[in-house]
Amino acid sequence: MDTSEVRAEHKFDRIALDKYLARHLRGYPSNSNENLVVRQYRHGQSNPTFYMRKGSQEFVMRKKPPGKLLRHAHQVEREFDFTEALHKVGFPVATPLHLCQDVSVVGTEFYIMEHVQV
């Protein structure tokens, strides 16, 4: 897995994200004593992409980049909807789990999908 520490320009409040996921993501290990581990993938940087692990569960988060964006660029909402539509008809994609449009959580909209080891 080609990941690194989260780059300075993409850092966000992991504790806030952990609390949000505990409330909104079904099956998220909210009672775990383990910290949420977040690493950034070196690729997929049109929309920054992160590997996340809490206990034995693994996830991937894609979010909009920080800063001023073109109106129709970096639409993670559209990406989530497209992935969800493909998943519903049996196309082999990672299962989309949750879309968050509350920018107060990590600074931008984001979505969570299952982590798939290939």
N, C-alpha and C. Protein backbone atom coordinates (compact mmCIF):
# COMPACT_ATOMS: atom_id res chain seq x y z
N MET A 1 0.86 -1.17 0.00
CA MET A 1 0.00 0.00 0.00
C MET A 1 0.90 1.23 0.00
N ASP A 2 0.75 2.07 -0.99
CA ASP A 2 1.62 3.23 -1.17
C ASP A 2 1.02 4.45 -0.46
N THR A 3 1.28 4.56 0.84
CA THR A 3 0.74 5.67 1.63
C THR A 3 1.86 6.39 2.36
N SER A 4 1.51 7.56 2.87
CA SER A 4 2.45 8.35 3.67
C SER A 4 1.65 9.05 4.77
N GLU A 5 2.35 9.76 5.62
CA GLU A 5 1.66 10.61 6.58
C GLU A 5 0.78 11.58 5.79
N VAL A 6 -0.28 12.05 6.41
CA VAL A 6 -1.15 13.02 5.75
C VAL A 6 -0.35 14.30 5.51
N ARG A 7 -0.35 14.76 4.26
CA ARG A 7 0.39 15.97 3.90
C ARG A 7 -0.18 17.19 4.62
N ALA A 8 0.67 18.15 4.92
CA ALA A 8 0.28 19.33 5.71
C ALA A 8 -0.94 20.03 5.13
N GLU A 9 -1.01 20.17 3.82
CA GLU A 9 -2.13 20.90 3.21
C GLU A 9 -3.44 20.12 3.25
N HIS A 10 -3.39 18.83 3.60
CA HIS A 10 -4.59 18.00 3.65
C HIS A 10 -4.96 17.54 5.06
N LYS A 11 -4.24 18.04 6.07
CA LYS A 11 -4.52 17.62 7.45
C LYS A 11 -5.91 18.07 7.88
N PHE A 12 -6.52 17.29 8.76
CA PHE A 12 -7.84 17.59 9.31
C PHE A 12 -7.90 17.01 10.71
N ASP A 13 -8.96 17.33 11.42
CA ASP A 13 -9.14 16.89 12.81
C ASP A 13 -9.61 15.44 12.83
N ARG A 14 -8.70 14.53 13.12
CA ARG A 14 -9.03 13.10 13.14
C ARG A 14 -10.03 12.76 14.25
N ILE A 15 -9.94 13.44 15.36
CA ILE A 15 -10.87 13.17 16.47
C ILE A 15 -12.28 13.55 16.06
N ALA A 16 -12.44 14.69 15.40
CA ALA A 16 -13.77 15.11 14.92
C ALA A 16 -14.31 14.10 13.91
N LEU A 17 -13.44 13.61 13.02
CA LEU A 17 -13.87 12.61 12.04
C LEU A 17 -14.28 11.32 12.74
N ASP A 18 -13.49 10.88 13.70
CA ASP A 18 -13.78 9.66 14.45
C ASP A 18 -15.15 9.77 15.14
N LYS A 19 -15.40 10.89 15.78
CA LYS A 19 -16.69 11.10 16.46
C LYS A 19 -17.84 11.13 15.45
N TYR A 20 -17.62 11.79 14.32
CA TYR A 20 -18.66 11.85 13.29
C TYR A 20 -18.99 10.45 12.78
N LEU A 21 -17.95 9.67 12.45
CA LEU A 21 -18.18 8.33 11.92
C LEU A 21 -18.87 7.43 12.95
N ALA A 22 -18.54 7.60 14.22
CA ALA A 22 -19.19 6.81 15.27
C ALA A 22 -20.70 7.08 15.30
N ARG A 23 -21.10 8.29 14.95
CA ARG A 23 -22.53 8.65 14.95
C ARG A 23 -23.23 8.30 13.63
N HIS A 24 -22.50 8.32 12.52
CA HIS A 24 -23.16 8.26 11.22
C HIS A 24 -22.83 7.05 10.34
N LEU A 25 -21.79 6.31 10.64
CA LEU A 25 -21.40 5.19 9.79
C LEU A 25 -21.79 3.88 10.46
N ARG A 26 -22.74 3.19 9.88
CA ARG A 26 -23.23 1.93 10.44
C ARG A 26 -22.07 0.93 10.56
N GLY A 27 -21.96 0.30 11.72
CA GLY A 27 -20.94 -0.72 11.94
C GLY A 27 -19.58 -0.16 12.31
N TYR A 28 -19.45 1.16 12.41
CA TYR A 28 -18.17 1.75 12.78
C TYR A 28 -17.86 1.40 14.23
N PRO A 29 -16.62 0.98 14.51
CA PRO A 29 -16.27 0.53 15.87
C PRO A 29 -16.15 1.70 16.85
N SER A 30 -17.27 2.23 17.29
CA SER A 30 -17.27 3.41 18.16
C SER A 30 -16.82 3.10 19.58
N ASN A 31 -16.93 1.86 20.01
CA ASN A 31 -16.54 1.50 21.38
C ASN A 31 -15.09 1.04 21.48
N SER A 32 -14.38 1.07 20.38
CA SER A 32 -12.99 0.63 20.37
C SER A 32 -12.11 1.61 21.14
N ASN A 33 -11.15 1.08 21.87
CA ASN A 33 -10.18 1.93 22.56
C ASN A 33 -9.06 2.37 21.63
N GLU A 34 -9.08 1.88 20.41
CA GLU A 34 -8.02 2.20 19.47
C GLU A 34 -8.29 3.53 18.77
N ASN A 35 -7.21 4.22 18.43
CA ASN A 35 -7.32 5.48 17.71
C ASN A 35 -7.61 5.22 16.24
N LEU A 36 -8.22 6.18 15.59
CA LEU A 36 -8.41 6.14 14.15
C LEU A 36 -7.06 6.43 13.50
N VAL A 37 -6.57 5.49 12.70
CA VAL A 37 -5.32 5.66 11.97
C VAL A 37 -5.66 6.18 10.58
N VAL A 38 -4.99 7.25 10.16
CA VAL A 38 -5.23 7.83 8.84
C VAL A 38 -3.90 8.01 8.14
N ARG A 39 -3.82 7.50 6.91
CA ARG A 39 -2.64 7.66 6.05
C ARG A 39 -3.12 8.16 4.70
N GLN A 40 -2.31 8.90 4.01
CA GLN A 40 -2.70 9.44 2.71
C GLN A 40 -2.07 8.64 1.59
N TYR A 41 -2.92 8.26 0.62
CA TYR A 41 -2.39 7.60 -0.57
C TYR A 41 -1.57 8.60 -1.37
N ARG A 42 -0.51 8.11 -1.97
CA ARG A 42 0.34 8.98 -2.79
C ARG A 42 -0.29 9.28 -4.14
N HIS A 43 -1.30 8.51 -4.53
CA HIS A 43 -1.96 8.69 -5.83
C HIS A 43 -3.41 9.10 -5.59
N GLY A 44 -4.12 9.47 -6.67
CA GLY A 44 -5.52 9.85 -6.54
C GLY A 44 -5.67 11.25 -5.99
N GLN A 45 -4.82 12.16 -6.43
CA GLN A 45 -4.77 13.46 -5.80
C GLN A 45 -5.67 14.52 -6.41
N SER A 46 -6.42 14.20 -7.46
CA SER A 46 -7.43 15.16 -7.91
C SER A 46 -8.37 15.40 -6.74
N ASN A 47 -8.76 14.32 -6.10
CA ASN A 47 -9.46 14.36 -4.81
C ASN A 47 -8.60 13.56 -3.84
N PRO A 48 -8.02 14.22 -2.83
CA PRO A 48 -7.15 13.51 -1.90
C PRO A 48 -7.83 12.26 -1.33
N THR A 49 -7.05 11.19 -1.24
CA THR A 49 -7.57 9.88 -0.87
C THR A 49 -6.78 9.35 0.33
N PHE A 50 -7.51 8.80 1.31
CA PHE A 50 -6.90 8.41 2.58
C PHE A 50 -7.28 6.98 2.94
N TYR A 51 -6.30 6.24 3.45
CA TYR A 51 -6.54 4.92 4.04
C TYR A 51 -6.82 5.16 5.52
N MET A 52 -7.85 4.51 6.05
CA MET A 52 -8.20 4.66 7.46
C MET A 52 -8.42 3.29 8.09
N ARG A 53 -7.97 3.16 9.33
CA ARG A 53 -8.19 1.91 10.07
C ARG A 53 -8.59 2.25 11.50
N LYS A 54 -9.62 1.55 11.96
CA LYS A 54 -10.04 1.67 13.37
C LYS A 54 -10.27 0.25 13.83
N GLY A 55 -9.45 -0.20 14.77
CA GLY A 55 -9.51 -1.60 15.19
C GLY A 55 -9.14 -2.47 14.00
N SER A 56 -9.98 -3.44 13.69
CA SER A 56 -9.70 -4.33 12.55
C SER A 56 -10.41 -3.89 11.28
N GLN A 57 -11.15 -2.78 11.33
CA GLN A 57 -11.89 -2.32 10.15
C GLN A 57 -11.08 -1.31 9.36
N GLU A 58 -11.15 -1.44 8.04
CA GLU A 58 -10.42 -0.56 7.14
C GLU A 58 -11.39 0.14 6.20
N PHE A 59 -11.09 1.41 5.92
CA PHE A 59 -11.93 2.23 5.07
C PHE A 59 -11.04 3.08 4.17
N VAL A 60 -11.66 3.68 3.17
CA VAL A 60 -11.00 4.68 2.33
C VAL A 60 -11.88 5.92 2.34
N MET A 61 -11.25 7.07 2.48
CA MET A 61 -11.97 8.34 2.42
C MET A 61 -11.44 9.14 1.24
N ARG A 62 -12.37 9.69 0.46
CA ARG A 62 -12.02 10.64 -0.60
C ARG A 62 -12.70 11.95 -0.26
N LYS A 63 -11.95 13.04 -0.39
CA LYS A 63 -12.49 14.35 -0.05
C LYS A 63 -12.07 15.36 -1.10
N LYS A 64 -12.75 16.49 -1.09
CA LYS A 64 -12.36 17.58 -1.97
C LYS A 64 -11.04 18.16 -1.45
N PRO A 65 -10.22 18.70 -2.34
CA PRO A 65 -9.01 19.37 -1.87
C PRO A 65 -9.38 20.69 -1.20
N PRO A 66 -8.50 21.21 -0.36
CA PRO A 66 -8.80 22.49 0.29
C PRO A 66 -8.68 23.65 -0.70
N GLY A 67 -9.24 24.78 -0.33
CA GLY A 67 -9.09 25.99 -1.14
C GLY A 67 -10.24 26.23 -2.09
N LYS A 68 -10.09 27.28 -2.88
CA LYS A 68 -11.12 27.67 -3.85
C LYS A 68 -11.07 26.71 -5.03
N LEU A 69 -12.24 26.19 -5.41
CA LEU A 69 -12.32 25.19 -6.47
C LEU A 69 -13.22 25.68 -7.59
N LEU A 70 -12.96 25.18 -8.79
CA LEU A 70 -13.87 25.45 -9.89
C LEU A 70 -15.23 24.85 -9.56
N ARG A 71 -16.29 25.47 -10.02
CA ARG A 71 -17.64 25.09 -9.63
C ARG A 71 -17.96 23.61 -9.88
N HIS A 72 -17.56 23.08 -11.01
CA HIS A 72 -17.93 21.70 -11.35
C HIS A 72 -16.78 20.71 -11.17
N ALA A 73 -15.71 21.15 -10.54
CA ALA A 73 -14.57 20.26 -10.34
C ALA A 73 -14.64 19.61 -8.96
N HIS A 74 -14.02 18.46 -8.84
CA HIS A 74 -13.84 17.79 -7.55
C HIS A 74 -15.17 17.44 -6.86
N GLN A 75 -16.16 17.06 -7.62
CA GLN A 75 -17.48 16.78 -7.05
C GLN A 75 -17.52 15.37 -6.47
N VAL A 76 -17.11 15.25 -5.22
CA VAL A 76 -17.11 13.94 -4.57
C VAL A 76 -18.53 13.42 -4.40
N GLU A 77 -19.50 14.32 -4.34
CA GLU A 77 -20.90 13.89 -4.24
C GLU A 77 -21.29 13.10 -5.48
N ARG A 78 -20.91 13.61 -6.64
CA ARG A 78 -21.20 12.93 -7.92
C ARG A 78 -20.43 11.61 -7.99
N GLU A 79 -19.20 11.61 -7.55
CA GLU A 79 -18.37 10.40 -7.54
C GLU A 79 -19.01 9.33 -6.65
N PHE A 80 -19.50 9.73 -5.47
CA PHE A 80 -20.16 8.80 -4.57
C PHE A 80 -21.41 8.23 -5.23
N ASP A 81 -22.25 9.09 -5.81
CA ASP A 81 -23.49 8.64 -6.46
C ASP A 81 -23.20 7.67 -7.60
N PHE A 82 -22.18 7.96 -8.39
CA PHE A 82 -21.81 7.10 -9.51
C PHE A 82 -21.33 5.74 -9.01
N THR A 83 -20.48 5.74 -8.00
CA THR A 83 -19.98 4.49 -7.43
C THR A 83 -21.12 3.69 -6.83
N GLU A 84 -22.04 4.37 -6.15
CA GLU A 84 -23.18 3.69 -5.55
C GLU A 84 -24.07 3.05 -6.62
N ALA A 85 -24.28 3.76 -7.74
CA ALA A 85 -25.09 3.22 -8.83
C ALA A 85 -24.43 1.98 -9.44
N LEU A 86 -23.12 2.03 -9.64
CA LEU A 86 -22.39 0.87 -10.17
C LEU A 86 -22.49 -0.31 -9.20
N HIS A 87 -22.33 -0.04 -7.92
CA HIS A 87 -22.39 -1.09 -6.91
C HIS A 87 -23.76 -1.76 -6.89
N LYS A 88 -24.82 -0.97 -7.00
CA LYS A 88 -26.18 -1.50 -6.94
C LYS A 88 -26.51 -2.46 -8.08
N VAL A 89 -25.84 -2.30 -9.23
CA VAL A 89 -26.11 -3.20 -10.36
C VAL A 89 -25.07 -4.32 -10.45
N GLY A 90 -24.26 -4.46 -9.41
CA GLY A 90 -23.33 -5.58 -9.35
C GLY A 90 -21.98 -5.36 -9.98
N PHE A 91 -21.68 -4.13 -10.39
CA PHE A 91 -20.36 -3.84 -10.95
C PHE A 91 -19.33 -3.91 -9.82
N PRO A 92 -18.17 -4.50 -10.07
CA PRO A 92 -17.19 -4.69 -8.99
C PRO A 92 -16.46 -3.40 -8.61
N VAL A 93 -17.05 -2.67 -7.70
CA VAL A 93 -16.44 -1.46 -7.14
C VAL A 93 -16.46 -1.59 -5.62
N ALA A 94 -15.63 -0.81 -4.96
CA ALA A 94 -15.66 -0.79 -3.50
C ALA A 94 -17.03 -0.30 -3.05
N THR A 95 -17.55 -0.88 -2.00
CA THR A 95 -18.87 -0.50 -1.50
C THR A 95 -18.83 0.92 -0.93
N PRO A 96 -19.63 1.83 -1.50
CA PRO A 96 -19.71 3.18 -0.93
C PRO A 96 -20.51 3.12 0.36
N LEU A 97 -20.01 3.72 1.43
CA LEU A 97 -20.62 3.57 2.75
C LEU A 97 -21.32 4.82 3.26
N HIS A 98 -20.76 5.99 3.00
CA HIS A 98 -21.35 7.21 3.57
C HIS A 98 -20.83 8.44 2.84
N LEU A 99 -21.74 9.36 2.55
CA LEU A 99 -21.41 10.67 1.98
C LEU A 99 -21.67 11.72 3.04
N CYS A 100 -20.69 12.59 3.28
CA CYS A 100 -20.86 13.68 4.25
C CYS A 100 -20.71 15.01 3.52
N GLN A 101 -21.74 15.83 3.58
CA GLN A 101 -21.70 17.15 2.97
C GLN A 101 -21.55 18.26 4.01
N ASP A 102 -21.28 17.88 5.24
CA ASP A 102 -21.06 18.82 6.34
C ASP A 102 -19.58 19.18 6.36
N VAL A 103 -19.24 20.36 5.84
CA VAL A 103 -17.83 20.75 5.71
C VAL A 103 -17.17 21.02 7.06
N SER A 104 -17.94 21.08 8.14
CA SER A 104 -17.34 21.33 9.45
C SER A 104 -16.59 20.11 9.99
N VAL A 105 -16.80 18.94 9.41
CA VAL A 105 -16.17 17.72 9.93
C VAL A 105 -14.69 17.67 9.58
N VAL A 106 -14.35 17.75 8.28
CA VAL A 106 -12.93 17.68 7.86
C VAL A 106 -12.54 18.86 6.96
N GLY A 107 -13.42 19.85 6.84
CA GLY A 107 -13.10 21.04 6.05
C GLY A 107 -13.66 21.04 4.64
N THR A 108 -14.06 19.88 4.14
CA THR A 108 -14.68 19.76 2.82
C THR A 108 -15.65 18.59 2.85
N GLU A 109 -16.45 18.46 1.79
CA GLU A 109 -17.29 17.28 1.65
C GLU A 109 -16.38 16.07 1.46
N PHE A 110 -16.87 14.90 1.86
CA PHE A 110 -16.09 13.67 1.70
C PHE A 110 -17.02 12.48 1.65
N TYR A 111 -16.46 11.35 1.23
CA TYR A 111 -17.22 10.10 1.36
C TYR A 111 -16.30 8.98 1.80
N ILE A 112 -16.94 7.96 2.37
CA ILE A 112 -16.24 6.79 2.89
C ILE A 112 -16.69 5.58 2.08
N MET A 113 -15.72 4.74 1.73
CA MET A 113 -16.03 3.47 1.07
C MET A 113 -15.22 2.38 1.74
N GLU A 114 -15.60 1.14 1.46
CA GLU A 114 -14.85 0.03 2.03
C GLU A 114 -13.45 0.02 1.44
N HIS A 115 -12.51 -0.51 2.18
CA HIS A 115 -11.15 -0.71 1.69
C HIS A 115 -11.10 -2.10 1.08
N VAL A 116 -10.61 -2.18 -0.14
CA VAL A 116 -10.51 -3.47 -0.83
C VAL A 116 -9.04 -3.75 -1.09
N GLN A 117 -8.57 -4.89 -0.62
CA GLN A 117 -7.19 -5.31 -0.87
C GLN A 117 -7.16 -6.09 -2.17
N VAL A 118 -6.39 -5.65 -3.15
CA VAL A 118 -6.30 -6.36 -4.44
C VAL A 118 -4.94 -6.97 -4.63
